[in-house]
Each structure stands twice: as structure tokens, then as C-alpha cells.
Amino acid sequence: MKYVKAEKVPTNVYNQKWMLETILEAQEDVKGETTSYKLGSDALNKLNETLLKFGYISTPIEYKQFTGDDL
């Protein structure tokens, strides 16, 4: 929180906790395997759908562009 306060970012502890939980959830393996803490292409596709739906982006983010990995 000291960093967001220093940068005058409008947020609070509850919002930061929610964002962290959301990011961690996106990194979970939906097949029940060990969590890799690496954003998979399925999670990125879901993220793209949400960001496009609410107008935060105008074109989908490509997996390789985002991670540098080919998968």
C-alpha cells in the first residue's frame, strides 16, 4: 500500500486483496494439477474476453506477446 499511496493510485486494501486473489485464481490449473503460477493460454483467453467485454482493450492480447512463450 505504501507504493500505491506514493503514486496516488486510488485503491484500498480490500481492492488490492481482491486483485491478488483474482490473479492467483487465474493462475490455478483448472484440471486439478499443481499450480504453476504461470498464466496459461486458457486463462489469458478468459482475461481477453473480460477486458474486451468491458472495453479495457480493443484487440485481444496474444499469448506469445504477453509471455514471450510459444506454449
N, C-alpha and C. Protein backbone atom coordinates (compact mmCIF):
# COMPACT_ATOMS: atom_id res chain seq x y z
N MET A 1 0.82 -1.19 0.00
CA MET A 1 0.00 0.00 0.00
C MET A 1 0.87 1.26 0.00
N LYS A 2 2.08 1.16 0.53
CA LYS A 2 2.92 2.37 0.54
C LYS A 2 3.25 2.83 -0.87
N TYR A 3 3.35 1.87 -1.80
CA TYR A 3 3.67 2.22 -3.18
C TYR A 3 2.47 2.88 -3.88
N VAL A 4 1.29 2.36 -3.66
CA VAL A 4 0.13 2.98 -4.30
C VAL A 4 -0.16 4.35 -3.70
N LYS A 5 0.09 4.49 -2.41
CA LYS A 5 -0.08 5.80 -1.78
C LYS A 5 0.92 6.81 -2.34
N ALA A 6 2.16 6.36 -2.50
CA ALA A 6 3.21 7.24 -3.03
C ALA A 6 2.90 7.69 -4.45
N GLU A 7 2.26 6.80 -5.23
CA GLU A 7 1.91 7.12 -6.62
C GLU A 7 0.51 7.70 -6.75
N LYS A 8 -0.16 7.87 -5.61
CA LYS A 8 -1.52 8.43 -5.57
C LYS A 8 -2.51 7.62 -6.42
N VAL A 9 -2.40 6.29 -6.31
CA VAL A 9 -3.31 5.37 -7.01
C VAL A 9 -4.55 5.21 -6.16
N PRO A 10 -5.73 5.47 -6.73
CA PRO A 10 -6.97 5.35 -5.94
C PRO A 10 -7.35 3.89 -5.70
N THR A 11 -6.97 3.35 -4.56
CA THR A 11 -7.27 1.96 -4.22
C THR A 11 -7.30 1.83 -2.71
N ASN A 12 -7.57 0.63 -2.24
CA ASN A 12 -7.55 0.36 -0.80
C ASN A 12 -7.13 -1.09 -0.58
N VAL A 13 -6.98 -1.48 0.66
CA VAL A 13 -6.52 -2.82 1.00
C VAL A 13 -7.46 -3.88 0.45
N TYR A 14 -8.76 -3.64 0.54
CA TYR A 14 -9.74 -4.62 0.08
C TYR A 14 -9.66 -4.84 -1.42
N ASN A 15 -9.48 -3.76 -2.16
CA ASN A 15 -9.35 -3.87 -3.62
C ASN A 15 -8.05 -4.60 -3.98
N GLN A 16 -6.98 -4.29 -3.30
CA GLN A 16 -5.70 -4.95 -3.56
C GLN A 16 -5.79 -6.44 -3.26
N LYS A 17 -6.47 -6.81 -2.17
CA LYS A 17 -6.66 -8.22 -1.83
C LYS A 17 -7.46 -8.92 -2.91
N TRP A 18 -8.55 -8.28 -3.37
CA TRP A 18 -9.39 -8.86 -4.42
C TRP A 18 -8.57 -9.09 -5.70
N MET A 19 -7.76 -8.09 -6.07
CA MET A 19 -6.96 -8.23 -7.29
C MET A 19 -5.96 -9.37 -7.15
N LEU A 20 -5.31 -9.49 -6.00
CA LEU A 20 -4.36 -10.58 -5.79
C LEU A 20 -5.06 -11.93 -5.87
N GLU A 21 -6.21 -12.07 -5.23
CA GLU A 21 -6.96 -13.33 -5.28
C GLU A 21 -7.38 -13.67 -6.71
N THR A 22 -7.78 -12.66 -7.48
CA THR A 22 -8.19 -12.87 -8.86
C THR A 22 -7.01 -13.33 -9.72
N ILE A 23 -5.87 -12.72 -9.52
CA ILE A 23 -4.67 -13.10 -10.26
C ILE A 23 -4.25 -14.52 -9.91
N LEU A 24 -4.28 -14.85 -8.62
CA LEU A 24 -3.91 -16.20 -8.20
C LEU A 24 -4.89 -17.23 -8.75
N GLU A 25 -6.17 -16.89 -8.78
CA GLU A 25 -7.18 -17.79 -9.34
C GLU A 25 -6.94 -18.04 -10.83
N ALA A 26 -6.53 -17.00 -11.53
CA ALA A 26 -6.27 -17.13 -12.97
C ALA A 26 -5.07 -18.04 -13.22
N GLN A 27 -4.21 -18.18 -12.24
CA GLN A 27 -3.01 -18.99 -12.40
C GLN A 27 -3.23 -20.44 -11.99
N GLU A 28 -4.37 -20.76 -11.40
CA GLU A 28 -4.64 -22.12 -10.97
C GLU A 28 -4.91 -23.02 -12.17
N ASP A 29 -4.49 -24.24 -12.06
CA ASP A 29 -4.74 -25.23 -13.11
C ASP A 29 -6.13 -25.79 -12.91
N VAL A 30 -7.02 -25.56 -13.86
CA VAL A 30 -8.41 -25.99 -13.73
C VAL A 30 -8.56 -27.51 -13.77
N LYS A 31 -7.53 -28.22 -14.18
CA LYS A 31 -7.58 -29.68 -14.24
C LYS A 31 -7.21 -30.31 -12.90
N GLY A 32 -6.91 -29.49 -11.91
CA GLY A 32 -6.59 -30.01 -10.60
C GLY A 32 -5.14 -30.39 -10.41
N GLU A 33 -4.30 -30.04 -11.35
CA GLU A 33 -2.89 -30.36 -11.22
C GLU A 33 -2.20 -29.26 -10.40
N THR A 34 -0.94 -29.42 -10.18
CA THR A 34 -0.18 -28.46 -9.38
C THR A 34 -0.22 -27.07 -10.01
N THR A 35 -0.36 -26.07 -9.17
CA THR A 35 -0.36 -24.70 -9.63
C THR A 35 1.04 -24.31 -10.08
N SER A 36 1.12 -23.75 -11.28
CA SER A 36 2.43 -23.38 -11.81
C SER A 36 2.73 -21.90 -11.60
N TYR A 37 1.72 -21.12 -11.24
CA TYR A 37 1.84 -19.67 -11.12
C TYR A 37 2.31 -19.03 -12.41
N LYS A 38 1.93 -19.65 -13.52
CA LYS A 38 2.22 -19.13 -14.84
C LYS A 38 0.89 -19.00 -15.58
N LEU A 39 0.65 -17.86 -16.14
CA LEU A 39 -0.61 -17.63 -16.84
C LEU A 39 -0.67 -18.50 -18.09
N GLY A 40 -1.65 -19.39 -18.15
CA GLY A 40 -1.81 -20.26 -19.30
C GLY A 40 -2.63 -19.59 -20.39
N SER A 41 -2.63 -20.18 -21.56
CA SER A 41 -3.34 -19.58 -22.68
C SER A 41 -4.85 -19.56 -22.45
N ASP A 42 -5.40 -20.58 -21.78
CA ASP A 42 -6.84 -20.58 -21.49
C ASP A 42 -7.21 -19.42 -20.57
N ALA A 43 -6.38 -19.19 -19.56
CA ALA A 43 -6.64 -18.08 -18.64
C ALA A 43 -6.51 -16.74 -19.36
N LEU A 44 -5.53 -16.63 -20.25
CA LEU A 44 -5.37 -15.39 -21.00
C LEU A 44 -6.56 -15.16 -21.92
N ASN A 45 -7.08 -16.22 -22.52
CA ASN A 45 -8.27 -16.09 -23.37
C ASN A 45 -9.46 -15.59 -22.56
N LYS A 46 -9.63 -16.12 -21.35
CA LYS A 46 -10.72 -15.67 -20.47
C LYS A 46 -10.52 -14.20 -20.08
N LEU A 47 -9.28 -13.85 -19.78
CA LEU A 47 -8.96 -12.47 -19.45
C LEU A 47 -9.24 -11.55 -20.63
N ASN A 48 -8.84 -11.98 -21.84
CA ASN A 48 -9.11 -11.19 -23.04
C ASN A 48 -10.61 -10.95 -23.21
N GLU A 49 -11.41 -12.00 -23.03
CA GLU A 49 -12.87 -11.86 -23.17
C GLU A 49 -13.41 -10.80 -22.21
N THR A 50 -12.95 -10.85 -20.97
CA THR A 50 -13.42 -9.89 -19.96
C THR A 50 -12.98 -8.47 -20.29
N LEU A 51 -11.71 -8.30 -20.64
CA LEU A 51 -11.20 -6.96 -20.95
C LEU A 51 -11.86 -6.38 -22.19
N LEU A 52 -12.12 -7.22 -23.19
CA LEU A 52 -12.81 -6.76 -24.40
C LEU A 52 -14.26 -6.39 -24.07
N LYS A 53 -14.93 -7.23 -23.29
CA LYS A 53 -16.33 -7.01 -22.95
C LYS A 53 -16.54 -5.66 -22.26
N PHE A 54 -15.63 -5.30 -21.37
CA PHE A 54 -15.79 -4.06 -20.63
C PHE A 54 -15.03 -2.88 -21.23
N GLY A 55 -14.45 -3.10 -22.42
CA GLY A 55 -13.83 -2.00 -23.15
C GLY A 55 -12.47 -1.57 -22.66
N TYR A 56 -11.78 -2.42 -21.89
CA TYR A 56 -10.45 -2.05 -21.42
C TYR A 56 -9.39 -2.22 -22.51
N ILE A 57 -9.66 -3.10 -23.47
CA ILE A 57 -8.77 -3.27 -24.61
C ILE A 57 -9.63 -3.35 -25.87
N SER A 58 -9.02 -3.05 -27.02
CA SER A 58 -9.79 -3.10 -28.26
C SER A 58 -9.42 -4.31 -29.12
N THR A 59 -8.27 -4.92 -28.85
CA THR A 59 -7.86 -6.14 -29.55
C THR A 59 -7.30 -7.11 -28.52
N PRO A 60 -7.51 -8.41 -28.74
CA PRO A 60 -7.01 -9.40 -27.78
C PRO A 60 -5.49 -9.38 -27.67
N ILE A 61 -5.00 -9.71 -26.50
CA ILE A 61 -3.57 -9.82 -26.26
C ILE A 61 -3.15 -11.23 -26.67
N GLU A 62 -2.12 -11.34 -27.49
CA GLU A 62 -1.64 -12.65 -27.92
C GLU A 62 -0.76 -13.25 -26.82
N TYR A 63 -0.88 -14.56 -26.63
CA TYR A 63 -0.14 -15.25 -25.57
C TYR A 63 1.37 -15.02 -25.69
N LYS A 64 1.89 -15.20 -26.89
CA LYS A 64 3.34 -15.04 -27.08
C LYS A 64 3.77 -13.59 -26.81
N GLN A 65 2.94 -12.65 -27.22
CA GLN A 65 3.24 -11.23 -26.99
C GLN A 65 3.28 -10.95 -25.48
N PHE A 66 2.39 -11.56 -24.74
CA PHE A 66 2.27 -11.31 -23.31
C PHE A 66 3.36 -12.00 -22.50
N THR A 67 3.66 -13.25 -22.86
CA THR A 67 4.58 -14.04 -22.05
C THR A 67 5.96 -14.25 -22.67
N GLY A 68 6.04 -14.14 -24.00
CA GLY A 68 7.28 -14.45 -24.68
C GLY A 68 7.43 -15.93 -24.96
N ASP A 69 6.43 -16.72 -24.52
CA ASP A 69 6.44 -18.18 -24.71
C ASP A 69 5.59 -18.57 -25.90
N ASP A 70 5.93 -19.68 -26.51
CA ASP A 70 5.11 -20.23 -27.59
C ASP A 70 4.08 -21.23 -27.07
N LEU A 71 4.26 -21.71 -25.87
CA LEU A 71 3.44 -22.74 -25.22
C LEU A 71 3.90 -24.08 -25.55
